[in-house]
Amino acid sequence: MLSIQSKIPDSGPQRGFTLVETMVVLALALILLTAGVPSFNQIIKNNRLVAQANALSGLMASARSEAITQRAVVTVCGSSNGTACDGQWSAGWISFLDVNGNAAVNTGDGDVVLKRVNSVPDTINVAFVGATTVRFNSQGFAVAGSSGTMRFCDERGDTYGRALNISATGRVSVATDTDSSPDGIVDDAAGTDIDCP
């Protein structure tokens, strides 16, 4: 009788993880996730505030440039519907060519909406401290009463707030903590800490 034997090559000792090793790795991963997820949430919230401040800063720079190019007043204001100023900075913003300079969109007078931003997250409160609109004249300067501080806040309060300062020359700058006591709270145009509601 013919006998067939197959030989399986010996690959040495078996390799793998024991149950104890697997449980230790899973426990370490859980500890790292528990420590890391809250930090990651803070990063996301910080980035949302910075993104909104950058978006409005870009809109302001564009409006100022357009005022110089068109040799006319360009107004930036809070707008919930994207077509008219209503002071709702937390809902969105528009910039428009303000032909008659009255800080209101009057299409019959030739006013034209130039840009719209309607994507402000509900968790962010945006407020302009100083005036209801920002207006740039034909030389790029802020029209009287248009300078101030644009404040961006969330539920975490003053320490995490961001701000833009608009000067009388029309310059828009990101606010930093410049006062004599470095407390980590950014300062408004007057040099005092911003106040998040």
N, C-alpha and C. Protein backbone atom coordinates (compact mmCIF):
# COMPACT_ATOMS: atom_id res chain seq x y z
N MET A 1 0.82 -1.15 0.00
CA MET A 1 0.00 0.00 0.00
C MET A 1 0.87 1.23 0.00
N LEU A 2 0.37 2.18 -0.72
CA LEU A 2 1.11 3.42 -0.91
C LEU A 2 0.68 4.44 0.16
N SER A 3 1.60 4.99 0.83
CA SER A 3 1.31 5.95 1.87
C SER A 3 1.84 7.32 1.45
N ILE A 4 0.96 8.31 1.52
CA ILE A 4 1.36 9.67 1.16
C ILE A 4 1.44 10.47 2.47
N GLN A 5 2.56 11.00 2.66
CA GLN A 5 2.75 11.84 3.84
C GLN A 5 3.13 13.24 3.37
N SER A 6 2.48 14.20 3.93
CA SER A 6 2.88 15.56 3.58
C SER A 6 3.65 16.12 4.75
N LYS A 7 4.64 16.82 4.39
CA LYS A 7 5.46 17.45 5.42
C LYS A 7 5.19 18.94 5.44
N ILE A 8 4.73 19.43 6.54
CA ILE A 8 4.55 20.87 6.69
C ILE A 8 5.85 21.41 7.24
N PRO A 9 6.38 22.40 6.54
CA PRO A 9 7.65 22.91 7.02
C PRO A 9 7.50 23.53 8.41
N ASP A 10 8.47 23.30 9.23
CA ASP A 10 8.48 23.83 10.59
C ASP A 10 8.92 25.29 10.54
N SER A 11 8.02 26.19 10.89
CA SER A 11 8.36 27.61 10.82
C SER A 11 8.84 28.15 12.16
N GLY A 12 9.12 27.34 13.05
CA GLY A 12 9.61 27.78 14.34
C GLY A 12 8.48 27.93 15.34
N PRO A 13 8.73 28.59 16.44
CA PRO A 13 7.70 28.74 17.46
C PRO A 13 6.55 29.62 16.96
N GLN A 14 5.37 29.36 17.46
CA GLN A 14 4.19 30.14 17.08
C GLN A 14 4.33 31.58 17.60
N ARG A 15 3.83 32.50 16.78
CA ARG A 15 3.90 33.91 17.18
C ARG A 15 2.49 34.46 17.28
N GLY A 16 2.31 35.44 18.16
CA GLY A 16 1.00 36.06 18.33
C GLY A 16 0.96 36.80 19.66
N PHE A 17 -0.19 37.37 19.93
CA PHE A 17 -0.37 38.10 21.18
C PHE A 17 -1.21 37.27 22.12
N THR A 18 -0.86 37.33 23.36
CA THR A 18 -1.67 36.65 24.37
C THR A 18 -2.84 37.56 24.73
N LEU A 19 -3.80 37.01 25.39
CA LEU A 19 -4.96 37.78 25.82
C LEU A 19 -4.54 38.89 26.77
N VAL A 20 -3.60 38.63 27.63
CA VAL A 20 -3.13 39.64 28.59
C VAL A 20 -2.47 40.80 27.85
N GLU A 21 -1.62 40.50 26.87
CA GLU A 21 -0.97 41.56 26.10
C GLU A 21 -1.99 42.41 25.35
N THR A 22 -2.98 41.78 24.78
CA THR A 22 -4.03 42.50 24.05
C THR A 22 -4.81 43.41 24.99
N MET A 23 -5.14 42.92 26.19
CA MET A 23 -5.88 43.73 27.15
C MET A 23 -5.06 44.93 27.62
N VAL A 24 -3.75 44.75 27.81
CA VAL A 24 -2.89 45.86 28.22
C VAL A 24 -2.85 46.93 27.14
N VAL A 25 -2.73 46.54 25.88
CA VAL A 25 -2.69 47.50 24.77
C VAL A 25 -4.02 48.25 24.68
N LEU A 26 -5.13 47.54 24.80
CA LEU A 26 -6.44 48.20 24.75
C LEU A 26 -6.63 49.17 25.92
N ALA A 27 -6.16 48.80 27.10
CA ALA A 27 -6.26 49.69 28.26
C ALA A 27 -5.45 50.96 28.04
N LEU A 28 -4.24 50.83 27.50
CA LEU A 28 -3.40 52.01 27.21
C LEU A 28 -4.06 52.89 26.15
N ALA A 29 -4.62 52.28 25.12
CA ALA A 29 -5.29 53.05 24.07
C ALA A 29 -6.47 53.82 24.64
N LEU A 30 -7.23 53.20 25.53
CA LEU A 30 -8.37 53.86 26.15
C LEU A 30 -7.93 55.05 27.00
N ILE A 31 -6.85 54.88 27.74
CA ILE A 31 -6.32 55.98 28.56
C ILE A 31 -5.89 57.15 27.67
N LEU A 32 -5.20 56.86 26.58
CA LEU A 32 -4.75 57.92 25.67
C LEU A 32 -5.93 58.63 25.02
N LEU A 33 -6.95 57.88 24.62
CA LEU A 33 -8.14 58.50 24.02
C LEU A 33 -8.88 59.37 25.03
N THR A 34 -8.98 58.90 26.26
CA THR A 34 -9.66 59.67 27.30
C THR A 34 -8.95 61.00 27.55
N ALA A 35 -7.65 60.99 27.49
CA ALA A 35 -6.88 62.22 27.70
C ALA A 35 -6.89 63.09 26.45
N GLY A 36 -6.91 62.49 25.27
CA GLY A 36 -6.76 63.24 24.03
C GLY A 36 -8.02 63.84 23.45
N VAL A 37 -9.17 63.21 23.63
CA VAL A 37 -10.41 63.69 23.01
C VAL A 37 -10.80 65.08 23.50
N PRO A 38 -10.78 65.37 24.81
CA PRO A 38 -11.11 66.75 25.23
C PRO A 38 -10.17 67.79 24.62
N SER A 39 -8.90 67.48 24.54
CA SER A 39 -7.94 68.41 23.92
C SER A 39 -8.27 68.61 22.46
N PHE A 40 -8.66 67.56 21.79
CA PHE A 40 -9.01 67.65 20.38
C PHE A 40 -10.25 68.52 20.19
N ASN A 41 -11.22 68.41 21.11
CA ASN A 41 -12.41 69.27 21.04
C ASN A 41 -12.04 70.74 21.22
N GLN A 42 -11.09 71.03 22.10
CA GLN A 42 -10.63 72.41 22.29
C GLN A 42 -9.99 72.94 21.01
N ILE A 43 -9.21 72.10 20.34
CA ILE A 43 -8.57 72.51 19.09
C ILE A 43 -9.63 72.82 18.04
N ILE A 44 -10.65 71.99 17.95
CA ILE A 44 -11.73 72.23 16.97
C ILE A 44 -12.44 73.55 17.27
N LYS A 45 -12.76 73.80 18.53
CA LYS A 45 -13.44 75.05 18.90
C LYS A 45 -12.56 76.26 18.63
N ASN A 46 -11.27 76.16 18.95
CA ASN A 46 -10.35 77.27 18.67
C ASN A 46 -10.28 77.54 17.17
N ASN A 47 -10.21 76.48 16.38
CA ASN A 47 -10.13 76.65 14.93
C ASN A 47 -11.39 77.27 14.35
N ARG A 48 -12.55 76.96 14.93
CA ARG A 48 -13.80 77.59 14.46
C ARG A 48 -13.77 79.09 14.70
N LEU A 49 -13.31 79.50 15.89
CA LEU A 49 -13.22 80.94 16.19
C LEU A 49 -12.24 81.63 15.25
N VAL A 50 -11.07 81.03 15.07
CA VAL A 50 -10.05 81.62 14.19
C VAL A 50 -10.55 81.68 12.76
N ALA A 51 -11.23 80.64 12.30
CA ALA A 51 -11.75 80.63 10.92
C ALA A 51 -12.75 81.76 10.70
N GLN A 52 -13.63 82.01 11.67
CA GLN A 52 -14.60 83.09 11.52
C GLN A 52 -13.92 84.45 11.55
N ALA A 53 -12.94 84.61 12.42
CA ALA A 53 -12.20 85.88 12.47
C ALA A 53 -11.46 86.10 11.15
N ASN A 54 -10.86 85.06 10.61
CA ASN A 54 -10.15 85.18 9.33
C ASN A 54 -11.11 85.49 8.18
N ALA A 55 -12.29 84.87 8.20
CA ALA A 55 -13.27 85.12 7.14
C ALA A 55 -13.71 86.58 7.15
N LEU A 56 -13.99 87.12 8.34
CA LEU A 56 -14.42 88.52 8.41
C LEU A 56 -13.27 89.46 8.11
N SER A 57 -12.08 89.12 8.53
CA SER A 57 -10.90 89.94 8.21
C SER A 57 -10.71 90.01 6.69
N GLY A 58 -10.87 88.87 6.02
CA GLY A 58 -10.75 88.84 4.56
C GLY A 58 -11.83 89.67 3.89
N LEU A 59 -13.06 89.60 4.41
CA LEU A 59 -14.15 90.40 3.86
C LEU A 59 -13.88 91.88 4.05
N MET A 60 -13.34 92.26 5.21
CA MET A 60 -13.00 93.67 5.47
C MET A 60 -11.90 94.14 4.52
N ALA A 61 -10.88 93.33 4.32
CA ALA A 61 -9.78 93.70 3.41
C ALA A 61 -10.30 93.86 1.99
N SER A 62 -11.18 92.96 1.59
CA SER A 62 -11.78 93.05 0.26
C SER A 62 -12.63 94.31 0.12
N ALA A 63 -13.41 94.63 1.15
CA ALA A 63 -14.26 95.83 1.12
C ALA A 63 -13.42 97.09 1.05
N ARG A 64 -12.36 97.13 1.82
CA ARG A 64 -11.47 98.30 1.81
C ARG A 64 -10.83 98.48 0.43
N SER A 65 -10.37 97.39 -0.13
CA SER A 65 -9.76 97.43 -1.47
C SER A 65 -10.78 97.88 -2.52
N GLU A 66 -11.99 97.37 -2.40
CA GLU A 66 -13.05 97.74 -3.35
C GLU A 66 -13.41 99.22 -3.22
N ALA A 67 -13.40 99.75 -2.01
CA ALA A 67 -13.69 101.18 -1.80
C ALA A 67 -12.66 102.04 -2.52
N ILE A 68 -11.40 101.64 -2.44
CA ILE A 68 -10.34 102.39 -3.11
C ILE A 68 -10.47 102.26 -4.62
N THR A 69 -10.72 101.03 -5.09
CA THR A 69 -10.84 100.78 -6.53
C THR A 69 -12.04 101.52 -7.13
N GLN A 70 -13.18 101.45 -6.46
CA GLN A 70 -14.41 102.07 -6.98
C GLN A 70 -14.50 103.56 -6.66
N ARG A 71 -13.59 104.04 -5.81
CA ARG A 71 -13.62 105.44 -5.36
C ARG A 71 -14.99 105.81 -4.79
N ALA A 72 -15.45 104.92 -3.91
CA ALA A 72 -16.77 105.10 -3.30
C ALA A 72 -16.77 104.45 -1.92
N VAL A 73 -17.81 104.74 -1.16
CA VAL A 73 -17.95 104.13 0.17
C VAL A 73 -18.39 102.68 0.01
N VAL A 74 -17.73 101.78 0.74
CA VAL A 74 -18.15 100.38 0.81
C VAL A 74 -18.43 100.09 2.28
N THR A 75 -19.58 99.50 2.54
CA THR A 75 -20.02 99.21 3.90
C THR A 75 -20.01 97.72 4.16
N VAL A 76 -19.61 97.34 5.37
CA VAL A 76 -19.68 95.95 5.84
C VAL A 76 -20.62 95.96 7.04
N CYS A 77 -21.56 95.02 7.06
CA CYS A 77 -22.52 94.99 8.17
C CYS A 77 -22.97 93.56 8.45
N GLY A 78 -23.56 93.39 9.63
CA GLY A 78 -24.15 92.11 9.98
C GLY A 78 -25.45 91.93 9.23
N SER A 79 -25.67 90.70 8.72
CA SER A 79 -26.87 90.45 7.92
C SER A 79 -27.31 89.00 8.07
N SER A 80 -28.55 88.80 8.47
CA SER A 80 -29.06 87.44 8.61
C SER A 80 -29.60 86.89 7.30
N ASN A 81 -29.95 87.78 6.36
CA ASN A 81 -30.52 87.31 5.09
C ASN A 81 -29.60 87.48 3.89
N GLY A 82 -28.46 88.12 4.06
CA GLY A 82 -27.51 88.28 2.96
C GLY A 82 -27.87 89.37 1.97
N THR A 83 -28.91 90.14 2.25
CA THR A 83 -29.32 91.20 1.32
C THR A 83 -29.45 92.57 1.97
N ALA A 84 -29.58 92.62 3.29
CA ALA A 84 -29.77 93.90 3.99
C ALA A 84 -29.08 93.86 5.34
N CYS A 85 -28.71 95.05 5.82
CA CYS A 85 -28.08 95.17 7.14
C CYS A 85 -29.14 95.06 8.22
N ASP A 86 -28.90 94.19 9.20
CA ASP A 86 -29.82 94.11 10.33
C ASP A 86 -29.08 93.99 11.66
N GLY A 87 -27.75 94.15 11.63
CA GLY A 87 -26.97 94.11 12.86
C GLY A 87 -26.75 92.72 13.44
N GLN A 88 -27.19 91.69 12.75
CA GLN A 88 -27.05 90.32 13.23
C GLN A 88 -25.70 89.74 12.79
N TRP A 89 -24.62 90.20 13.43
CA TRP A 89 -23.27 89.77 13.07
C TRP A 89 -23.08 88.27 13.28
N SER A 90 -23.80 87.67 14.22
CA SER A 90 -23.66 86.24 14.48
C SER A 90 -24.33 85.38 13.41
N ALA A 91 -25.12 85.99 12.53
CA ALA A 91 -25.80 85.24 11.48
C ALA A 91 -25.06 85.29 10.15
N GLY A 92 -24.28 86.34 9.92
CA GLY A 92 -23.56 86.48 8.66
C GLY A 92 -23.21 87.93 8.41
N TRP A 93 -22.53 88.18 7.28
CA TRP A 93 -22.09 89.53 6.96
C TRP A 93 -22.21 89.77 5.47
N ILE A 94 -22.35 91.03 5.11
CA ILE A 94 -22.30 91.42 3.70
C ILE A 94 -21.40 92.65 3.57
N SER A 95 -20.85 92.80 2.38
CA SER A 95 -20.19 94.06 2.02
C SER A 95 -20.90 94.55 0.78
N PHE A 96 -21.09 95.85 0.70
CA PHE A 96 -21.81 96.39 -0.45
C PHE A 96 -21.31 97.78 -0.81
N LEU A 97 -21.40 98.09 -2.09
CA LEU A 97 -21.08 99.42 -2.61
C LEU A 97 -22.21 100.33 -2.16
N ASP A 98 -21.88 101.30 -1.32
CA ASP A 98 -22.87 102.17 -0.69
C ASP A 98 -22.85 103.53 -1.39
N VAL A 99 -23.51 103.60 -2.54
CA VAL A 99 -23.44 104.78 -3.40
C VAL A 99 -23.85 106.05 -2.67
N ASN A 100 -24.96 106.01 -1.93
CA ASN A 100 -25.41 107.22 -1.25
C ASN A 100 -24.84 107.36 0.17
N GLY A 101 -24.04 106.39 0.61
CA GLY A 101 -23.34 106.49 1.89
C GLY A 101 -24.22 106.46 3.12
N ASN A 102 -25.41 105.85 3.02
CA ASN A 102 -26.31 105.85 4.18
C ASN A 102 -26.24 104.56 5.01
N ALA A 103 -25.30 103.68 4.72
CA ALA A 103 -25.09 102.43 5.46
C ALA A 103 -26.28 101.48 5.39
N ALA A 104 -27.06 101.58 4.31
CA ALA A 104 -28.18 100.67 4.08
C ALA A 104 -28.18 100.29 2.60
N VAL A 105 -28.54 99.04 2.32
CA VAL A 105 -28.57 98.58 0.93
C VAL A 105 -29.81 99.15 0.25
N ASN A 106 -29.59 100.05 -0.71
CA ASN A 106 -30.67 100.64 -1.50
C ASN A 106 -30.38 100.35 -2.97
N THR A 107 -30.91 99.25 -3.48
CA THR A 107 -30.61 98.87 -4.87
C THR A 107 -31.12 99.91 -5.86
N GLY A 108 -32.17 100.62 -5.50
CA GLY A 108 -32.70 101.67 -6.37
C GLY A 108 -31.73 102.83 -6.53
N ASP A 109 -30.84 103.02 -5.57
CA ASP A 109 -29.84 104.09 -5.64
C ASP A 109 -28.53 103.61 -6.25
N GLY A 110 -28.49 102.35 -6.67
CA GLY A 110 -27.27 101.82 -7.28
C GLY A 110 -26.38 101.02 -6.34
N ASP A 111 -26.83 100.81 -5.10
CA ASP A 111 -26.04 99.98 -4.18
C ASP A 111 -25.99 98.55 -4.69
N VAL A 112 -24.82 97.92 -4.55
CA VAL A 112 -24.62 96.55 -5.03
C VAL A 112 -23.97 95.73 -3.92
N VAL A 113 -24.57 94.59 -3.58
CA VAL A 113 -23.95 93.68 -2.62
C VAL A 113 -22.76 93.02 -3.30
N LEU A 114 -21.59 93.17 -2.69
CA LEU A 114 -20.35 92.64 -3.28
C LEU A 114 -20.05 91.23 -2.81
N LYS A 115 -20.15 91.00 -1.51
CA LYS A 115 -19.86 89.67 -0.94
C LYS A 115 -20.80 89.37 0.20
N ARG A 116 -21.04 88.06 0.38
CA ARG A 116 -21.88 87.57 1.47
C ARG A 116 -21.16 86.45 2.21
N VAL A 117 -21.31 86.42 3.51
CA VAL A 117 -20.85 85.28 4.32
C VAL A 117 -22.02 84.92 5.22
N ASN A 118 -22.59 83.74 5.01
CA ASN A 118 -23.74 83.30 5.80
C ASN A 118 -23.47 82.01 6.54
N SER A 119 -22.23 81.74 6.87
CA SER A 119 -21.90 80.43 7.44
C SER A 119 -21.31 80.53 8.85
N VAL A 120 -21.85 81.36 9.68
CA VAL A 120 -21.36 81.48 11.05
C VAL A 120 -22.01 80.38 11.90
N PRO A 121 -21.20 79.52 12.54
CA PRO A 121 -21.78 78.46 13.38
C PRO A 121 -22.62 79.04 14.52
N ASP A 122 -23.67 78.32 14.90
CA ASP A 122 -24.55 78.77 15.98
C ASP A 122 -23.84 78.91 17.31
N THR A 123 -22.74 78.20 17.49
CA THR A 123 -22.03 78.22 18.77
C THR A 123 -21.14 79.45 18.94
N ILE A 124 -21.02 80.27 17.88
CA ILE A 124 -20.15 81.44 17.94
C ILE A 124 -20.98 82.71 17.98
N ASN A 125 -20.65 83.57 18.95
CA ASN A 125 -21.30 84.87 19.07
C ASN A 125 -20.35 85.92 18.50
N VAL A 126 -20.82 86.66 17.50
CA VAL A 126 -20.02 87.71 16.88
C VAL A 126 -20.69 89.04 17.20
N ALA A 127 -19.92 89.99 17.71
CA ALA A 127 -20.47 91.30 18.04
C ALA A 127 -19.45 92.38 17.70
N PHE A 128 -19.95 93.50 17.17
CA PHE A 128 -19.09 94.63 16.86
C PHE A 128 -19.27 95.65 17.97
N VAL A 129 -18.20 95.91 18.69
CA VAL A 129 -18.23 96.87 19.78
C VAL A 129 -17.69 98.19 19.24
N GLY A 130 -18.54 99.16 19.07
CA GLY A 130 -18.11 100.45 18.56
C GLY A 130 -19.12 101.07 17.63
N ALA A 131 -19.70 100.28 16.75
CA ALA A 131 -20.67 100.80 15.79
C ALA A 131 -21.52 99.65 15.27
N THR A 132 -22.48 99.96 14.42
CA THR A 132 -23.31 98.90 13.84
C THR A 132 -22.79 98.46 12.47
N THR A 133 -22.02 99.33 11.82
CA THR A 133 -21.45 98.99 10.51
C THR A 133 -19.99 99.45 10.46
N VAL A 134 -19.26 98.88 9.52
CA VAL A 134 -17.90 99.34 9.23
C VAL A 134 -17.96 99.88 7.81
N ARG A 135 -17.55 101.15 7.65
CA ARG A 135 -17.62 101.78 6.34
C ARG A 135 -16.25 102.31 5.96
N PHE A 136 -15.85 102.01 4.72
CA PHE A 136 -14.56 102.48 4.20
C PHE A 136 -14.82 103.52 3.12
N ASN A 137 -14.08 104.65 3.19
CA ASN A 137 -14.25 105.69 2.16
C ASN A 137 -13.36 105.40 0.96
N SER A 138 -13.37 106.30 0.00
CA SER A 138 -12.64 106.09 -1.25
C SER A 138 -11.13 106.04 -1.08
N GLN A 139 -10.63 106.46 0.07
CA GLN A 139 -9.19 106.39 0.34
C GLN A 139 -8.83 105.19 1.22
N GLY A 140 -9.82 104.38 1.57
CA GLY A 140 -9.58 103.19 2.38
C GLY A 140 -9.63 103.42 3.87
N PHE A 141 -9.93 104.66 4.28
CA PHE A 141 -10.03 104.95 5.71
C PHE A 141 -11.41 104.56 6.22
N ALA A 142 -11.48 104.22 7.51
CA ALA A 142 -12.77 103.93 8.12
C ALA A 142 -13.51 105.25 8.29
N VAL A 143 -14.75 105.29 7.82
CA VAL A 143 -15.58 106.49 7.97
C VAL A 143 -15.80 106.71 9.47
N ALA A 144 -15.89 107.97 9.88
CA ALA A 144 -16.05 108.31 11.30
C ALA A 144 -17.10 107.42 11.96
N GLY A 145 -16.75 106.87 13.10
CA GLY A 145 -17.67 106.00 13.83
C GLY A 145 -17.60 104.54 13.42
N SER A 146 -16.72 104.21 12.49
CA SER A 146 -16.64 102.82 12.02
C SER A 146 -15.53 102.02 12.66
N SER A 147 -14.70 102.66 13.46
CA SER A 147 -13.61 101.91 14.09
C SER A 147 -14.13 101.25 15.38
N GLY A 148 -13.46 100.21 15.79
CA GLY A 148 -13.87 99.50 17.00
C GLY A 148 -13.31 98.10 17.02
N THR A 149 -13.96 97.23 17.76
CA THR A 149 -13.50 95.85 17.92
C THR A 149 -14.60 94.87 17.56
N MET A 150 -14.26 93.92 16.71
CA MET A 150 -15.16 92.84 16.35
C MET A 150 -14.78 91.66 17.23
N ARG A 151 -15.72 91.18 18.01
CA ARG A 151 -15.47 90.15 19.02
C ARG A 151 -16.07 88.81 18.59
N PHE A 152 -15.31 87.72 18.75
CA PHE A 152 -15.75 86.37 18.41
C PHE A 152 -15.65 85.52 19.68
N CYS A 153 -16.78 85.04 20.18
CA CYS A 153 -16.79 84.31 21.44
C CYS A 153 -17.59 83.01 21.31
N ASP A 154 -17.29 82.06 22.18
CA ASP A 154 -18.12 80.86 22.31
C ASP A 154 -18.40 80.63 23.78
N GLU A 155 -18.95 79.48 24.11
CA GLU A 155 -19.37 79.23 25.49
C GLU A 155 -18.22 79.17 26.49
N ARG A 156 -16.98 79.14 26.03
CA ARG A 156 -15.83 79.04 26.93
C ARG A 156 -15.42 80.38 27.53
N GLY A 157 -15.94 81.49 27.03
CA GLY A 157 -15.69 82.79 27.65
C GLY A 157 -14.49 83.56 27.13
N ASP A 158 -14.11 84.58 27.91
CA ASP A 158 -13.08 85.56 27.52
C ASP A 158 -11.74 84.95 27.14
N THR A 159 -11.30 83.97 27.89
CA THR A 159 -9.96 83.42 27.70
C THR A 159 -9.77 82.84 26.30
N TYR A 160 -10.82 82.31 25.72
CA TYR A 160 -10.71 81.70 24.40
C TYR A 160 -11.20 82.61 23.28
N GLY A 161 -11.73 83.78 23.63
CA GLY A 161 -12.27 84.70 22.63
C GLY A 161 -11.20 85.22 21.67
N ARG A 162 -11.64 85.62 20.50
CA ARG A 162 -10.78 86.22 19.48
C ARG A 162 -11.38 87.57 19.13
N ALA A 163 -10.58 88.44 18.53
CA ALA A 163 -11.09 89.76 18.16
C ALA A 163 -10.30 90.34 17.00
N LEU A 164 -10.97 91.22 16.27
CA LEU A 164 -10.34 92.03 15.22
C LEU A 164 -10.50 93.48 15.64
N ASN A 165 -9.44 94.25 15.52
CA ASN A 165 -9.50 95.68 15.80
C ASN A 165 -9.48 96.44 14.49
N ILE A 166 -10.44 97.34 14.31
CA ILE A 166 -10.53 98.17 13.11
C ILE A 166 -10.15 99.59 13.52
N SER A 167 -9.07 100.09 12.94
CA SER A 167 -8.59 101.43 13.30
C SER A 167 -9.23 102.49 12.41
N ALA A 168 -9.07 103.75 12.78
CA ALA A 168 -9.62 104.86 12.00
C ALA A 168 -8.98 104.95 10.62
N THR A 169 -7.78 104.40 10.47
CA THR A 169 -7.12 104.41 9.16
C THR A 169 -7.65 103.30 8.26
N GLY A 170 -8.54 102.46 8.79
CA GLY A 170 -9.10 101.37 8.00
C GLY A 170 -8.34 100.06 8.13
N ARG A 171 -7.30 100.07 8.92
CA ARG A 171 -6.50 98.85 9.09
C ARG A 171 -7.24 97.88 10.00
N VAL A 172 -7.32 96.63 9.56
CA VAL A 172 -7.94 95.57 10.35
C VAL A 172 -6.82 94.67 10.85
N SER A 173 -6.73 94.50 12.17
CA SER A 173 -5.67 93.67 12.74
C SER A 173 -6.25 92.66 13.72
N VAL A 174 -5.57 91.54 13.81
CA VAL A 174 -5.96 90.50 14.77
C VAL A 174 -5.53 90.97 16.16
N ALA A 175 -6.45 90.96 17.09
CA ALA A 175 -6.17 91.42 18.46
C ALA A 175 -5.28 90.41 19.18
N THR A 176 -4.39 90.95 20.01
CA THR A 176 -3.52 90.11 20.85
C THR A 176 -3.62 90.61 22.28
N ASP A 177 -3.02 89.88 23.19
CA ASP A 177 -2.99 90.28 24.60
C ASP A 177 -1.81 91.22 24.79
N THR A 178 -2.08 92.53 24.82
CA THR A 178 -1.00 93.52 24.89
C THR A 178 -0.97 94.31 26.19
N ASP A 179 -1.94 94.07 27.08
CA ASP A 179 -1.96 94.88 28.30
C ASP A 179 -0.84 94.47 29.25
N SER A 180 -0.67 95.26 30.31
CA SER A 180 0.46 95.07 31.22
C SER A 180 0.41 93.76 32.00
N SER A 181 -0.77 93.20 32.16
CA SER A 181 -0.86 91.90 32.85
C SER A 181 -1.22 90.82 31.83
N PRO A 182 -0.24 90.06 31.38
CA PRO A 182 -0.53 89.04 30.36
C PRO A 182 -1.41 87.93 30.92
N ASP A 183 -2.73 88.09 30.74
CA ASP A 183 -3.68 87.13 31.29
C ASP A 183 -4.22 86.17 30.24
N GLY A 184 -3.74 86.30 29.00
CA GLY A 184 -4.18 85.41 27.95
C GLY A 184 -5.47 85.84 27.27
N ILE A 185 -6.05 86.95 27.70
CA ILE A 185 -7.28 87.46 27.09
C ILE A 185 -6.89 88.56 26.11
N VAL A 186 -7.35 88.43 24.85
CA VAL A 186 -6.99 89.42 23.84
C VAL A 186 -7.61 90.76 24.18
N ASP A 187 -6.98 91.83 23.70
CA ASP A 187 -7.40 93.19 24.04
C ASP A 187 -8.14 93.85 22.88
N ASP A 188 -9.09 94.71 23.23
CA ASP A 188 -9.83 95.45 22.22
C ASP A 188 -8.99 96.63 21.72
N ALA A 189 -9.58 97.47 20.88
CA ALA A 189 -8.85 98.59 20.29
C ALA A 189 -8.36 99.58 21.34
N ALA A 190 -9.03 99.65 22.49
CA ALA A 190 -8.63 100.57 23.56
C ALA A 190 -7.57 99.96 24.48
N GLY A 191 -7.22 98.69 24.27
CA GLY A 191 -6.18 98.05 25.08
C GLY A 191 -6.69 97.34 26.32
N THR A 192 -8.01 97.20 26.45
CA THR A 192 -8.57 96.47 27.59
C THR A 192 -9.05 95.09 27.14
N ASP A 193 -9.14 94.17 28.07
CA ASP A 193 -9.56 92.80 27.75
C ASP A 193 -10.94 92.79 27.11
N ILE A 194 -11.12 91.92 26.11
CA ILE A 194 -12.46 91.78 25.53
C ILE A 194 -13.36 91.12 26.56
N ASP A 195 -14.64 91.35 26.42
CA ASP A 195 -15.62 90.81 27.36
C ASP A 195 -16.60 89.94 26.58
N CYS A 196 -16.47 88.63 26.74
CA CYS A 196 -17.40 87.70 26.08
C CYS A 196 -18.62 87.50 26.96
N PRO A 197 -19.80 87.59 26.37
CA PRO A 197 -21.02 87.40 27.16
C PRO A 197 -21.18 85.95 27.61
